[in-house]
Amino acid sequence: MITARQSRAARALLGWTQETLADKARVSLTALKRLESESGLEVYESTRDQVRRALEAAGIVFLSTERGRGVLLVNDHGDKRR
């Protein structure tokens, strides 16, 4: 499951605004803001999935270990990220 912090970190690595990610994930800006909120707001799992897929398509890899969670940007996607 993608976390609020992972979504924000992934956007930062890509240089994307919330508007850009919402557009690429085909979710509403309001839904994305809820997902990225630290307030624990409810978000549909389908929204999380669409956001995750859009970020992965841009080269983001989601990491999860016993020590924590994070994101990695792989460089084999060229300029498709932007």
C-alpha atoms as a PDB file:
ATOM      1  CA  MET A   1       0.000   0.000   0.000  1.00  0.00           C
ATOM      2  CA  ILE A   2       1.383   3.411  -0.963  1.00  0.00           C
ATOM      3  CA  THR A   3       1.694   5.818   1.952  1.00  0.00           C
ATOM      4  CA  ALA A   4       1.211   9.590   2.024  1.00  0.00           C
ATOM      5  CA  ARG A   5       4.943  10.092   2.520  1.00  0.00           C
ATOM      6  CA  GLN A   6       5.855   7.778  -0.350  1.00  0.00           C
ATOM      7  CA  SER A   7       3.533   9.637  -2.703  1.00  0.00           C
ATOM      8  CA  ARG A   8       4.965  13.025  -1.734  1.00  0.00           C
ATOM      9  CA  ALA A   9       8.548  11.748  -1.964  1.00  0.00           C
ATOM     10  CA  ALA A  10       7.931  10.176  -5.363  1.00  0.00           C
ATOM     11  CA  ARG A  11       6.435  13.415  -6.678  1.00  0.00           C
ATOM     12  CA  ALA A  12       9.463  15.316  -5.400  1.00  0.00           C
ATOM     13  CA  LEU A  13      11.863  12.949  -7.185  1.00  0.00           C
ATOM     14  CA  LEU A  14       9.917  13.390 -10.415  1.00  0.00           C
ATOM     15  CA  GLY A  15       9.458  17.144 -10.012  1.00  0.00           C
ATOM     16  CA  TRP A  16       5.681  16.735 -10.301  1.00  0.00           C
ATOM     17  CA  THR A  17       3.007  18.884  -8.713  1.00  0.00           C
ATOM     18  CA  GLN A  18      -0.093  17.362  -7.156  1.00  0.00           C
ATOM     19  CA  GLU A  19      -1.994  18.507 -10.223  1.00  0.00           C
ATOM     20  CA  THR A  20       0.395  16.660 -12.536  1.00  0.00           C
ATOM     21  CA  LEU A  21       0.159  13.413 -10.573  1.00  0.00           C
ATOM     22  CA  ALA A  22      -3.624  13.636 -10.292  1.00  0.00           C
ATOM     23  CA  ASP A  23      -3.827  14.097 -14.064  1.00  0.00           C
ATOM     24  CA  LYS A  24      -1.449  11.223 -14.844  1.00  0.00           C
ATOM     25  CA  ALA A  25      -3.175   8.920 -12.338  1.00  0.00           C
ATOM     26  CA  ARG A  26      -6.621   9.974 -13.557  1.00  0.00           C
ATOM     27  CA  VAL A  27      -7.845  10.774 -10.067  1.00  0.00           C
ATOM     28  CA  SER A  28      -9.326  13.987  -8.732  1.00  0.00           C
ATOM     29  CA  LEU A  29      -7.014  16.511  -7.130  1.00  0.00           C
ATOM     30  CA  THR A  30      -9.126  16.274  -3.973  1.00  0.00           C
ATOM     31  CA  ALA A  31      -8.613  12.504  -3.828  1.00  0.00           C
ATOM     32  CA  LEU A  32      -4.851  12.904  -4.234  1.00  0.00           C
ATOM     33  CA  LYS A  33      -4.735  15.556  -1.517  1.00  0.00           C
ATOM     34  CA  ARG A  34      -6.583  13.167   0.799  1.00  0.00           C
ATOM     35  CA  LEU A  35      -4.111  10.390  -0.017  1.00  0.00           C
ATOM     36  CA  GLU A  36      -1.129  12.655   0.675  1.00  0.00           C
ATOM     37  CA  SER A  37      -2.592  14.054   3.885  1.00  0.00           C
ATOM     38  CA  GLU A  38      -1.041  12.989   7.193  1.00  0.00           C
ATOM     39  CA  SER A  39      -4.476  13.310   8.821  1.00  0.00           C
ATOM     40  CA  GLY A  40      -5.405   9.700   8.113  1.00  0.00           C
ATOM     41  CA  LEU A  41      -8.274  10.600   5.801  1.00  0.00           C
ATOM     42  CA  GLU A  42     -10.076   7.711   4.131  1.00  0.00           C
ATOM     43  CA  VAL A  43      -9.022   7.031   0.543  1.00  0.00           C
ATOM     44  CA  TYR A  44     -10.402   4.427  -1.833  1.00  0.00           C
ATOM     45  CA  GLU A  45      -7.952   1.594  -2.477  1.00  0.00           C
ATOM     46  CA  SER A  46      -8.574   2.118  -6.210  1.00  0.00           C
ATOM     47  CA  THR A  47      -7.248   5.682  -5.848  1.00  0.00           C
ATOM     48  CA  ARG A  48      -4.090   4.430  -4.133  1.00  0.00           C
ATOM     49  CA  ASP A  49      -3.664   1.836  -6.871  1.00  0.00           C
ATOM     50  CA  GLN A  50      -4.050   4.358  -9.707  1.00  0.00           C
ATOM     51  CA  VAL A  51      -1.542   6.717  -8.087  1.00  0.00           C
ATOM     52  CA  ARG A  52       0.919   3.871  -7.510  1.00  0.00           C
ATOM     53  CA  ARG A  53       0.631   2.744 -11.130  1.00  0.00           C
ATOM     54  CA  ALA A  54       1.185   6.263 -12.490  1.00  0.00           C
ATOM     55  CA  LEU A  55       4.287   6.706 -10.351  1.00  0.00           C
ATOM     56  CA  GLU A  56       5.666   3.291 -11.258  1.00  0.00           C
ATOM     57  CA  ALA A  57       5.122   4.040 -14.957  1.00  0.00           C
ATOM     58  CA  ALA A  58       7.302   7.127 -14.477  1.00  0.00           C
ATOM     59  CA  GLY A  59      10.154   5.091 -12.977  1.00  0.00           C
ATOM     60  CA  ILE A  60       9.373   5.052  -9.262  1.00  0.00           C
ATOM     61  CA  VAL A  61      10.056   1.878  -7.291  1.00  0.00           C
ATOM     62  CA  PHE A  62       8.383   1.543  -3.897  1.00  0.00           C
ATOM     63  CA  LEU A  63      10.569   0.111  -1.158  1.00  0.00           C
ATOM     64  CA  SER A  64       9.459  -1.590   2.036  1.00  0.00           C
ATOM     65  CA  THR A  65      11.751  -3.329   4.503  1.00  0.00           C
ATOM     66  CA  GLU A  66      11.756  -4.118   8.184  1.00  0.00           C
ATOM     67  CA  ARG A  67      13.653  -0.833   8.657  1.00  0.00           C
ATOM     68  CA  GLY A  68      11.123   1.353   6.862  1.00  0.00           C
ATOM     69  CA  ARG A  69       9.561   2.456   3.601  1.00  0.00           C
ATOM     70  CA  GLY A  70      10.791   4.662   0.797  1.00  0.00           C
ATOM     71  CA  VAL A  71      10.957   5.309  -2.928  1.00  0.00           C
ATOM     72  CA  LEU A  72      13.612   5.032  -5.612  1.00  0.00           C
ATOM     73  CA  LEU A  73      13.703   6.644  -9.040  1.00  0.00           C
ATOM     74  CA  VAL A  74      15.218   4.410 -11.700  1.00  0.00           C
ATOM     75  CA  ASN A  75      16.760   6.122 -14.693  1.00  0.00           C
ATOM     76  CA  ASP A  76      15.814   3.739 -17.485  1.00  0.00           C
ATOM     77  CA  HIS A  77      12.649   5.645 -18.374  1.00  0.00           C
ATOM     78  CA  GLY A  78      14.325   8.571 -20.137  1.00  0.00           C
ATOM     79  CA  ASP A  79      12.234  11.723 -20.538  1.00  0.00           C
ATOM     80  CA  LYS A  80       8.926   9.845 -20.282  1.00  0.00           C
ATOM     81  CA  ARG A  81       8.831  10.880 -16.609  1.00  0.00           C
ATOM     82  CA  ARG A  82       7.895  14.467 -17.294  1.00  0.00           C
END
